[in-house]
Protein backbone atom coordinates (compact mmCIF):
# COMPACT_ATOMS: atom_id res chain seq x y z
CA MET A 1 102.05 91.43 96.52
CA GLU A 2 100.08 94.01 93.99
CA LEU A 3 101.94 96.76 95.60
CA PHE A 4 105.35 95.53 94.27
CA THR A 5 104.36 93.55 90.81
CA LYS A 6 103.13 96.97 89.52
CA THR A 7 106.36 98.88 90.13
CA LYS A 8 109.87 98.62 88.98
CA ALA A 9 111.11 100.50 92.18
CA VAL A 10 109.77 101.62 95.72
CA LYS A 11 110.54 103.57 98.71
CA LEU A 12 109.72 102.30 102.10
CA ARG A 13 108.63 104.57 104.79
CA SER A 14 108.14 103.61 108.59
CA HIS A 15 105.87 104.27 111.27
CA LEU A 16 108.44 106.92 112.45
CA ASP A 17 107.62 108.58 108.85
CA LYS A 18 111.40 107.87 108.04
CA TYR A 19 112.68 105.93 104.96
CA LEU A 20 114.57 102.51 104.67
CA ILE A 21 118.27 103.84 103.38
CA ALA A 22 121.03 101.53 102.16
CA GLN A 23 124.48 103.27 103.64
CA ASP A 24 127.19 104.10 101.81
CA ASP A 25 129.51 101.48 103.28
CA GLY A 26 127.88 98.91 101.21
CA GLU A 27 126.47 96.90 104.12
CA THR A 28 124.56 98.98 106.72
CA VAL A 29 120.96 99.78 106.53
CA CYS A 30 119.24 102.22 108.99
CA GLN A 31 116.35 104.81 108.75
CA SER A 32 116.35 108.34 107.55
CA ARG A 33 113.75 111.34 107.04
CA ASN A 34 115.45 112.19 103.60
CA GLY A 35 113.05 110.38 101.48
CA SER A 36 114.92 112.20 98.31
CA THR A 37 118.01 110.24 97.95
CA ARG A 38 118.64 107.70 95.73
CA LYS A 39 119.72 105.49 98.79
CA ALA A 40 115.75 105.40 99.79
CA LYS A 41 115.28 103.51 96.38
CA TRP A 42 114.93 99.86 96.45
CA PHE A 43 114.40 98.21 92.88
CA VAL A 44 112.03 95.30 92.96
CA GLU A 45 112.83 91.44 91.43
CA LEU A 46 110.17 88.97 91.76
CA VAL A 47 111.38 85.27 92.57
CA ASP A 48 111.51 82.91 90.14
CA GLY A 49 109.02 79.98 91.10
CA ARG A 50 107.01 82.11 93.92
CA THR A 51 104.16 84.25 93.45
CA ASP A 52 104.30 85.80 97.32
CA ALA A 53 108.04 87.08 97.64
CA VAL A 54 110.29 89.58 96.45
CA ARG A 55 113.85 90.78 96.48
CA LEU A 56 114.59 94.27 97.10
CA LYS A 57 117.91 96.03 95.42
CA SER A 58 119.83 98.86 96.49
CA PHE A 59 121.26 101.64 94.34
CA ALA A 60 124.63 100.22 94.83
CA GLY A 61 123.27 96.55 93.41
CA LYS A 62 123.13 94.69 96.80
CA TYR A 63 120.24 92.98 98.10
CA LEU A 64 118.44 93.65 101.33
CA THR A 65 119.21 90.74 103.41
CA ALA A 66 117.83 89.17 106.69
CA SER A 67 121.07 87.63 108.28
CA ASP A 68 121.38 85.63 111.18
CA LEU A 69 123.55 87.97 113.35
CA PRO A 70 122.34 89.61 116.30
CA PHE A 71 121.91 93.20 116.45
CA LEU A 72 122.80 93.09 120.34
CA LEU A 73 124.02 90.31 122.18
CA GLY A 74 121.48 89.05 124.16
CA MET A 75 118.27 90.67 122.58
CA THR A 76 116.21 88.95 119.95
CA GLY A 77 116.41 91.19 117.09
CA LYS A 78 118.76 90.19 114.33
CA ARG A 79 120.79 92.35 111.61
CA VAL A 80 119.36 93.85 108.44
CA ILE A 81 122.00 94.37 105.85
CA GLN A 82 123.11 94.81 102.20
CA THR A 83 124.70 91.56 100.63
CA LEU A 84 125.88 90.38 97.20
CA PRO A 85 125.70 86.56 97.42
CA GLU A 86 126.90 84.00 95.56
CA LYS A 87 123.70 82.65 94.60
CA ILE A 88 120.76 84.88 93.87
CA SER A 89 118.47 81.93 94.85
CA ASP A 90 119.64 82.81 98.70
CA TRP A 91 116.61 82.55 100.80
CA ARG A 92 117.75 85.31 103.02
CA LEU A 93 116.99 87.62 100.32
CA GLN A 94 113.43 86.91 100.18
CA TRP A 95 110.71 88.88 101.66
CA GLU A 96 107.13 88.09 101.76
CA PRO A 97 104.82 91.24 101.44
CA ILE A 98 101.79 90.73 103.95
CA LYS A 99 99.05 93.39 103.51
CA ASP A 100 97.80 95.11 106.82
CA GLY A 101 95.33 97.60 105.47
CA PHE A 102 96.86 100.16 103.26
CA GLN A 103 100.63 99.10 104.99
CA VAL A 104 102.41 96.08 104.30
CA LYS A 105 104.66 93.70 106.58
CA LEU A 106 107.67 92.29 105.09
CA ARG A 107 108.38 88.77 106.73
CA SER A 108 111.95 87.21 106.24
CA TRP A 109 112.89 83.64 105.69
CA CYS A 110 112.50 82.73 109.45
CA GLY A 111 109.04 84.19 109.78
CA LYS A 112 110.28 87.55 111.51
CA PHE A 113 109.19 90.89 110.08
CA LEU A 114 111.55 93.95 108.87
CA ARG A 115 111.17 96.40 112.05
CA ALA A 116 112.30 99.95 112.15
CA ASN A 117 113.26 100.81 115.75
CA GLY A 118 113.01 103.58 117.91
CA GLY A 119 114.15 104.90 121.28
CA THR A 120 117.43 105.42 122.49
CA PRO A 121 120.72 104.67 120.81
CA PRO A 122 121.70 102.28 119.69
CA TRP A 123 118.26 101.34 118.74
CA ARG A 124 117.20 104.96 117.25
CA ASN A 125 117.10 104.70 113.46
CA SER A 126 118.41 100.83 113.32
CA VAL A 127 116.49 98.22 111.22
CA THR A 128 116.08 94.55 112.35
CA HIS A 129 114.07 91.56 111.58
CA ASP A 130 112.32 90.43 114.76
CA GLU A 131 108.43 89.90 116.09
CA PRO A 132 106.69 92.71 118.18
CA HIS A 133 106.58 91.62 121.97
CA ALA A 134 104.80 94.36 123.20
CA GLY A 135 101.55 96.32 122.36
CA SER A 136 103.71 99.55 122.01
CA THR A 137 106.00 98.16 119.33
CA VAL A 138 103.19 96.51 117.04
CA ARG A 139 103.29 99.41 114.50
CA TRP A 140 107.15 98.84 114.19
CA ILE A 141 106.79 96.25 111.47
CA LEU A 142 104.13 98.20 109.30
CA TRP A 143 105.74 100.15 105.99
CA ASP A 144 104.33 102.43 103.50
CA VAL A 145 105.18 101.49 99.93
CA GLN A 146 105.50 104.20 97.72
CA PRO A 147 106.17 103.54 94.20
CA VAL A 148 108.87 105.42 92.41
CA ASP A 149 109.68 105.95 88.62
CA VAL A 150 112.71 104.47 87.13
CA THR A 151 114.51 106.04 84.32
CA GLU A 152 116.06 103.97 81.59
CA THR A 153 119.67 105.09 82.75
CA GLU A 154 118.74 103.34 86.45
CA SER A 155 117.34 100.65 84.64
CA LEU A 156 120.12 99.71 82.63
CA SER A 157 122.67 100.44 85.43
CA ASP A 158 120.94 98.41 87.98
CA TYR A 159 120.66 95.02 85.38
CA LEU A 160 124.60 95.41 84.73
CA LEU A 161 125.37 95.20 88.43
CA THR A 162 123.28 92.35 88.39
CA MET A 163 124.93 90.57 85.43
CA SER A 164 128.31 91.36 86.96
CA SER A 165 127.38 89.54 90.27
CA PHE A 166 125.68 86.49 88.85
CA SER A 167 126.75 85.88 85.31
CA SER A 168 129.54 84.92 83.60
CA VAL A 169 129.81 87.97 81.40
CA PRO A 170 133.59 88.99 81.50
CA ASP A 171 134.47 92.22 84.09
CA ASP A 172 136.10 94.42 81.13
CA VAL A 173 132.98 94.12 78.87
CA LEU A 174 130.61 95.05 81.65
CA GLU A 175 133.07 98.01 82.61
CA ALA A 176 133.17 99.08 79.10
CA ALA A 177 129.63 98.87 78.71
CA SER A 178 128.93 100.75 81.92
CA ASP A 179 131.36 103.41 81.18
CA GLU A 180 129.92 103.65 77.51
CA TYR A 181 126.41 104.01 78.28
CA LEU A 182 126.61 105.52 82.09
CA GLY A 183 129.43 108.39 80.89
CA SER A 184 127.56 109.65 78.16
CA GLU A 185 125.69 113.06 78.19
CA PRO A 186 122.18 113.53 79.18
CA GLY A 187 120.02 112.88 76.17
CA SER A 188 122.70 111.35 73.87
CA PRO A 189 122.24 108.37 71.93
CA ILE A 190 123.53 105.24 73.19
CA SER A 191 126.64 103.48 71.74
CA PRO A 192 125.82 100.53 70.06
CA ILE A 193 128.09 98.12 72.15
CA PRO A 194 126.71 94.53 71.64
CA VAL A 195 126.51 93.87 75.77
CA VAL A 196 124.45 97.04 75.95
CA SER A 197 121.97 96.24 73.52
CA SER A 198 121.88 92.77 74.71
CA VAL A 199 120.92 93.75 78.50
CA ARG A 200 118.66 96.57 77.17
CA THR A 201 116.44 93.95 75.34
CA ARG A 202 116.53 91.75 78.06
CA ARG A 203 115.56 94.16 80.91
CA PHE A 204 112.86 95.89 79.15
CA SER A 205 110.89 92.62 78.02
CA VAL A 206 111.06 91.83 81.80
CA VAL A 207 109.51 95.33 82.88
CA ARG A 208 107.01 95.63 79.80
CA THR A 209 104.30 93.81 81.36
CA MET A 210 104.53 96.06 84.74
CA SER A 211 102.68 99.18 85.08
CA PRO A 212 104.92 102.34 85.91
CA ARG A 213 102.81 103.65 88.50
CA LEU A 214 101.12 102.15 91.52
CA SER A 215 97.23 102.06 90.77
CA PRO A 216 94.83 103.16 93.62
CA LYS A 217 93.96 100.76 96.12
CA LYS A 218 90.69 99.48 95.62
CA SER A 219 89.68 97.92 99.22
CA ASN A 220 87.59 94.76 99.11
CA SER A 221 84.89 94.72 101.70
CA ASN A 222 85.45 92.86 104.88
CA PRO A 223 82.28 92.20 106.91
CA PHE A 224 84.47 91.79 110.15
CA ARG A 225 86.80 94.72 109.48
CA SER A 226 84.72 97.20 107.60
CA ALA A 227 82.29 99.62 109.23
CA MET A 228 80.23 100.95 106.35
CA GLU A 229 77.09 99.68 108.16
CA PHE A 230 77.42 103.19 110.15
CA PHE A 231 77.67 105.15 106.78
CA ASN A 232 75.42 103.14 104.15
CA ASN A 233 72.20 104.58 105.21
CA ALA A 234 73.21 108.02 106.75
CA LYS A 235 73.31 111.26 104.59
CA ALA A 236 75.01 113.11 107.47
CA VAL A 237 76.92 112.26 110.58
CA ARG A 238 78.61 113.50 113.50
CA LEU A 239 82.11 112.45 114.79
CA ARG A 240 82.76 112.16 118.58
CA SER A 241 86.29 111.61 119.98
CA HIS A 242 87.42 109.97 122.83
CA HIS A 243 87.55 113.34 124.71
CA ASP A 244 84.04 113.81 124.24
CA LYS A 245 84.31 116.42 121.39
CA TYR A 246 83.28 116.61 117.99
CA LEU A 247 84.91 116.79 114.93
CA HIS A 248 84.44 120.67 113.75
CA ALA A 249 85.01 122.44 110.48
CA GLU A 250 86.31 125.88 111.30
CA GLU A 251 84.91 129.11 109.83
CA ASP A 252 88.13 129.85 108.06
CA GLU A 253 87.20 126.87 105.37
CA GLU A 254 90.73 125.42 105.99
CA SER A 255 91.11 124.31 109.87
CA ILE A 256 89.39 121.15 111.66
CA THR A 257 89.47 121.08 115.17
CA GLN A 258 87.73 119.45 118.15
CA ASP A 259 84.91 120.96 120.08
CA ARG A 260 82.08 120.01 122.53
CA ASN A 261 79.05 121.81 120.89
CA GLY A 262 77.89 119.03 119.00
CA SER A 263 74.54 121.02 117.83
CA SER A 264 76.80 123.53 115.50
CA LYS A 265 76.37 123.17 111.93
CA SER A 266 80.15 122.86 111.94
CA ALA A 267 79.81 119.53 113.68
CA LYS A 268 77.66 118.18 110.42
CA TRP A 269 79.88 116.03 108.05
CA VAL A 270 77.73 114.98 104.49
CA ILE A 271 78.50 111.37 103.61
CA GLU A 272 79.98 110.13 99.99
CA ILE A 273 80.41 106.78 98.87
CA VAL A 274 83.27 106.59 96.65
CA PRO A 275 82.00 105.16 93.06
CA GLY A 276 83.49 101.70 92.30
CA SER A 277 84.12 101.10 96.07
CA ASP A 278 82.13 100.02 98.88
CA SER A 279 84.47 100.54 101.64
CA ILE A 280 85.61 104.05 101.24
CA ILE A 281 83.79 107.32 101.90
CA ARG A 282 84.34 110.99 101.72
CA LEU A 283 83.26 113.42 104.26
CA LYS A 284 82.01 116.69 103.13
CA SER A 285 81.61 119.90 105.86
CA CYS A 286 79.04 122.35 106.08
CA TYR A 287 81.07 124.69 103.40
CA GLY A 288 81.01 122.15 101.06
CA LYS A 289 84.78 121.08 101.55
CA TYR A 290 86.05 117.79 102.00
CA LEU A 291 87.79 116.59 105.34
CA THR A 292 91.46 115.99 103.68
CA ALA A 293 94.56 114.34 104.83
CA SER A 294 97.22 116.30 103.73
CA ASN A 295 100.88 115.85 103.62
CA GLN A 296 102.02 119.07 105.81
CA PRO A 297 103.29 118.22 108.82
CA PHE A 298 101.33 119.74 112.02
CA LEU A 299 104.43 120.83 113.78
CA LEU A 300 108.02 120.82 112.25
CA GLY A 301 109.71 117.24 113.42
CA MET A 302 106.58 115.75 114.50
CA THR A 303 105.29 112.55 113.00
CA GLY A 304 101.38 114.21 112.64
CA ARG A 305 100.08 115.68 109.62
CA LYS A 306 97.55 118.42 109.04
CA VAL A 307 93.80 117.61 108.32
CA LEU A 308 92.10 120.16 106.55
CA GLN A 309 88.94 121.10 104.60
CA THR A 310 89.62 121.37 100.86
CA LEU A 311 88.03 121.39 97.40
CA PRO A 312 90.53 120.22 94.71
CA ARG A 313 89.69 120.17 91.13
CA ARG A 314 90.16 116.39 90.83
CA LEU A 315 88.82 114.34 93.69
CA ASP A 316 91.99 112.53 94.83
CA SER A 317 92.83 109.94 97.34
CA SER A 318 93.48 112.30 100.15
CA LEU A 319 90.00 112.90 100.44
CA GLU A 320 89.32 109.15 100.84
CA TRP A 321 88.70 107.66 104.47
CA GLU A 322 88.15 103.66 105.07
CA PRO A 323 85.80 103.29 108.08
CA ILE A 324 87.34 100.20 110.03
CA ARG A 325 85.10 98.78 112.97
CA ASP A 326 86.59 98.40 116.28
CA GLY A 327 83.89 97.28 118.72
CA ALA A 328 81.10 99.82 118.88
CA GLN A 329 83.42 102.65 117.59
CA VAL A 330 85.12 103.45 114.25
CA LYS A 331 88.72 104.15 113.07
CA LEU A 332 88.97 106.54 110.12
CA LYS A 333 92.04 105.24 107.82
CA THR A 334 93.80 107.28 105.04
CA ARG A 335 95.12 106.07 101.76
CA TYR A 336 98.65 105.81 103.06
CA GLY A 337 97.61 104.05 106.65
CA ASN A 338 97.38 106.86 109.00
CA PHE A 339 94.43 107.36 111.00
CA LEU A 340 92.09 110.45 111.83
CA ARG A 341 93.24 111.26 115.21
CA ALA A 342 91.76 113.44 118.00
CA ASN A 343 94.74 114.81 119.94
CA GLY A 344 94.66 115.90 123.57
CA GLY A 345 97.41 117.20 126.00
CA LEU A 346 98.86 120.67 126.27
CA PRO A 347 98.65 123.46 123.48
CA PRO A 348 99.18 123.02 120.48
CA TRP A 349 98.15 119.72 120.73
CA ARG A 350 94.78 120.32 122.67
CA ASN A 351 91.81 120.25 120.39
CA SER A 352 93.88 119.81 117.16
CA VAL A 353 93.23 117.14 114.52
CA THR A 354 95.96 115.30 112.44
CA HIS A 355 96.44 111.97 110.73
CA ASP A 356 98.85 109.83 112.20
CA ILE A 357 99.66 106.22 113.75
CA PRO A 358 99.42 105.84 117.75
CA HIS A 359 103.13 104.86 118.87
CA ARG A 360 101.68 104.45 122.28
CA THR A 361 99.33 102.01 124.23
CA SER A 362 98.04 105.33 126.02
CA THR A 363 97.02 107.12 122.71
CA GLN A 364 95.34 104.03 121.06
CA ASP A 365 92.10 105.41 121.59
CA TRP A 366 92.80 108.84 120.13
CA ILE A 367 91.83 107.38 116.77
CA LEU A 368 88.60 105.93 117.83
CA TRP A 369 85.30 107.85 117.22
CA ASP A 370 81.57 107.53 117.80
CA ILE A 371 79.37 107.84 114.94
CA ASP A 372 76.24 109.94 115.61
CA ILE A 373 73.67 109.86 112.78
CA VAL A 374 72.20 113.26 111.94
CA GLU A 375 70.24 112.69 108.70
CA ILE A 376 69.09 109.24 107.05
CA GLU A 377 69.56 108.95 103.35
CA VAL A 378 66.20 107.71 101.66
CA LYS A 379 66.78 105.43 98.94
CA SER A 380 64.82 103.54 96.49
CA SER A 381 67.14 100.89 96.18
CA ARG A 382 69.85 99.39 98.04
CA THR A 383 72.82 100.72 95.72
CA HIS A 384 74.92 103.15 97.21
CA PRO A 385 74.45 106.80 95.84
CA ARG A 386 77.00 107.71 93.72
CA ALA A 387 79.15 110.96 94.69
CA GLU A 388 78.04 114.01 92.74
CA PRO A 389 80.97 116.38 91.38
CA PRO A 390 81.95 119.61 93.21
CA PRO A 391 79.81 122.61 92.38
CA PRO A 392 82.39 125.25 90.96
CA GLN A 393 81.72 127.73 93.80
CA ILE A 394 79.82 127.36 96.81
CA PRO A 395 78.27 130.17 98.47
CA HIS A 396 78.61 130.22 102.27
CA SER A 397 74.72 129.91 102.36
CA ASP A 398 74.43 126.85 100.61
CA SER A 399 71.63 124.60 101.30
CA LEU A 400 73.44 122.55 103.69
CA ASP A 401 71.91 124.36 106.71
CA PHE A 402 72.28 122.49 109.89
CA ASP A 403 68.84 123.95 110.98
CA SER A 404 67.31 121.01 109.44
CA ILE A 405 68.47 118.98 112.27
CA SER A 406 65.59 120.45 114.39
CA SER A 407 62.68 119.76 112.07
CA PRO A 408 60.26 116.88 112.70
CA SER A 409 61.12 114.82 110.28
CA SER A 410 65.06 114.66 110.86
CA ALA A 411 64.68 114.62 114.64
CA SER A 412 62.93 111.26 114.27
CA VAL A 413 65.97 109.73 112.83
CA ILE A 414 68.31 111.19 115.50
CA SER A 415 70.09 108.04 117.25
CA GLY A 416 69.99 107.62 120.69
CA SER A 417 73.59 108.56 121.25
CA PHE A 418 72.41 111.84 119.78
CA SER A 419 69.81 112.74 122.09
CA ARG A 420 71.90 111.78 125.15
CA GLN A 421 74.46 113.70 124.16
CA GLU A 422 72.14 117.06 124.05
CA SER A 423 71.37 116.56 127.44
CA THR A 424 74.78 116.73 128.43
CA GLU A 425 76.07 119.40 126.19
CA SER A 426 73.78 122.03 127.64
CA ASN A 427 76.10 122.04 130.30
CA VAL A 428 79.51 123.08 128.48
CA SER A 429 81.05 124.63 131.82
CA SER A 430 81.18 121.35 133.63
CA PRO A 431 82.74 118.70 131.20
CA PRO A 432 83.26 115.35 132.50
CA LYS A 433 85.92 114.72 134.64
CA CYS A 434 88.94 112.29 133.92
CA GLU A 435 90.30 109.86 136.79
CA GLY A 436 94.14 109.96 137.74
CA ARG A 437 96.60 112.34 135.96
CA ILE A 438 98.47 112.68 132.55
CA ILE A 439 101.87 111.97 132.92
CA TYR A 440 104.22 113.21 129.89
CA TYR A 441 107.31 111.22 129.43
CA HIS A 442 110.73 111.18 127.79
CA VAL A 443 113.50 108.61 127.16
CA ALA A 444 116.77 110.07 128.14
CA ASP A 445 120.24 109.25 126.64
CA GLU A 446 123.21 108.47 128.95
CA TYR A 447 123.87 112.07 129.83
CA GLY A 448 120.09 112.62 130.56
CA ASP A 449 119.35 114.20 127.36
CA PHE A 450 116.74 113.79 124.91
CA ASP A 451 115.57 115.31 121.34
CA ASP A 452 112.21 115.59 119.80
CA GLU A 453 112.93 114.05 116.68
CA LEU A 454 110.37 111.04 117.29
CA GLY A 455 107.66 113.52 117.82
CA GLU A 456 105.83 114.83 121.00
CA ALA A 457 106.59 113.85 124.39
CA TYR A 458 104.68 110.22 125.43
CA SER A 459 101.85 110.08 127.70
CA LEU A 460 99.83 108.00 129.81
CA ASN A 461 96.64 107.97 132.06
CA PHE A 462 98.18 107.24 135.65
CA LYS A 463 95.63 106.44 138.36
CA GLY A 464 98.17 105.71 141.26
CA THR A 465 99.96 108.18 143.83
CA GLY A 466 103.37 106.07 144.33
CA VAL A 467 106.49 106.46 142.41
CA GLU A 468 107.17 102.80 142.52
CA GLU A 469 103.69 102.43 140.68
CA LEU A 470 104.76 104.99 138.03
CA THR A 471 107.97 103.07 137.51
CA GLN A 472 106.29 99.84 137.07
CA LYS A 473 103.89 101.64 134.45
CA LEU A 474 106.79 103.21 132.66
CA ARG A 475 108.60 99.81 132.38
CA GLU A 476 105.20 98.30 130.77
CA GLU A 477 105.16 101.50 128.52
CA THR A 478 109.09 101.78 127.32
CA GLY A 479 109.85 98.25 127.43
CA LEU A 480 113.15 99.10 129.45
CA TYR A 481 113.33 97.35 132.90
CA GLU A 482 116.12 98.74 134.89
CA ILE A 483 114.89 102.63 134.90
CA ILE A 484 114.71 105.76 136.96
CA VAL A 485 111.84 108.28 137.03
CA CYS A 486 113.15 111.83 137.34
CA SER A 487 111.90 115.28 137.38
CA ARG A 488 113.91 118.17 135.60
CA SER A 489 114.43 121.12 137.93
CA PRO A 490 113.03 124.40 136.58
CA LEU A 491 115.60 126.26 138.21
CA ASN A 492 118.84 124.76 136.86
CA GLY A 493 117.76 122.05 134.19
CA LYS A 494 119.21 119.11 136.25
CA LEU A 495 117.43 115.70 137.01
CA TYR A 496 116.25 114.58 139.97
CA PRO A 497 114.71 110.96 140.87
CA LEU A 498 111.37 111.03 142.23
CA ARG A 499 110.85 110.12 145.73
CA LEU A 500 108.07 107.82 147.40
CA GLN A 501 104.91 109.59 146.53
CA LEU A 502 103.75 112.12 143.68
CA PRO A 503 102.26 115.29 144.40
CA PRO A 504 98.72 114.97 145.77
CA ASN A 505 96.65 117.51 143.58
CA ASN A 506 96.21 115.01 140.67
CA ALA A 507 98.21 117.69 138.37
CA ASP A 508 99.37 116.61 135.17
CA MET A 509 103.40 115.86 135.16
CA HIS A 510 106.48 115.74 133.01
CA VAL A 511 108.85 113.14 133.73
CA VAL A 512 112.36 111.99 132.37
CA VAL A 513 113.08 108.20 132.19
CA VAL A 514 116.73 107.15 132.58
CA GLU A 515 118.22 103.77 132.45
CA SER A 516 119.90 102.75 135.78
CA SER A 517 123.34 102.00 133.81
CA SER A 518 123.71 105.11 132.36
CA LYS A 519 126.10 107.83 133.36
CA VAL A 520 123.62 110.25 134.31
CA ALA A 521 122.04 107.63 136.76
CA LYS A 522 125.59 106.94 138.24
CA GLU A 523 125.74 110.56 139.29
CA PHE A 524 122.41 110.41 141.47
CA GLY A 525 124.43 108.12 143.64
CA ARG A 526 127.50 110.39 144.21
CA LYS A 527 124.94 113.15 145.49
């Protein structure tokens, strides 16, 4: 709830890296990648008598509303629209924010959640309120909340719209006040119209207690969720991905990759616990630079963002990572709810590292890391060591020399998993083999076409050999039942249904999923 009480307006970004948008028609709500438009701005109103609910108002003065209208007949999702109800106390306007890590779920009056849909039209870019029924759609109800600065002009015009809907102030007076105020030149004084003066006084008496910016999140320590015990006594660690590769700081002192060579000094990361927090860390490379969750896209049109080494003048939140336990492994979450992710697949994804949210079950393990302690922090008390400010300039021959790992004192504290990995790394030429094959797939539209707007092709690990087995697996992954699994001809680009058995050599495959009711599927029956 504090994400909304400390700001006047917000933007809501979905797991698809798209923003909640109020359309110009005054009714529709959708998703868009353009977060700079005023349509992405939602003014926050607290609900009288409740401390756990808010109302969200669009730039046009209409409220985000969880309607009871079905999005599609026979489907569970209900439409989310903009409305201007007769009473502001209407419960359909009220949303209960529920924190989930650094993100938020917005629960409607009927216990369902604001959901950003993906997939093929008509679902693509739509917004409903629903409950996620499949593991692959659990992330669809999570939103990043971004505070927005509101100008005085926006505050006044927003309040005038509210008064015109829910007060008895005559329309001609409101219109005159609005025209006089909003029609003036930038920087010119406000005309002393009585209603404007009244509105300004009432408006700013409400927002005076609010902070104009969202304060940085201070995570509370949860012993059942936090993974700080992996780092509390560690001075330096290695991070091993699900590909059995290590997080590496490249020699260009900027790039981050994965590599099987765990004995390199580039695989060593020094731990700093953020002052004032007992659940947030920073990771410093052998070059004295910090592991940074940047805002640069890894590839244009893709959801993943670059992870870099940086040494900023000010230690900001992009350097901070929250360790979250997942069994015996750890997930590292950024300030904005993404996770440190070790990518696989074909180049340029192979060996790359991004921060992202896994959208499919087959990529859930890509954000899990094994922690190997390389160096123990010797402390005289139980207090956490405070992070030292970065030096003005760090030469390459810094004291962070990985050769210390071979000394008797440090060798005795290396974990069992470290020793076990050293024995396997000596044979780099024969990496462990993965059973089955990787299936990369896209979901096509009516005509068999698809685009890459939602990111790279989805993938899954498949151990079978039959087309029917693969079809059933893809039903579970996509949530579509009546489907045909196809391959695209390299000669003419046309789609052809797969028959009976897959190629026997267990090579990775690229397939396209089409619905049986689509026009392209009907063409298959004519051939």
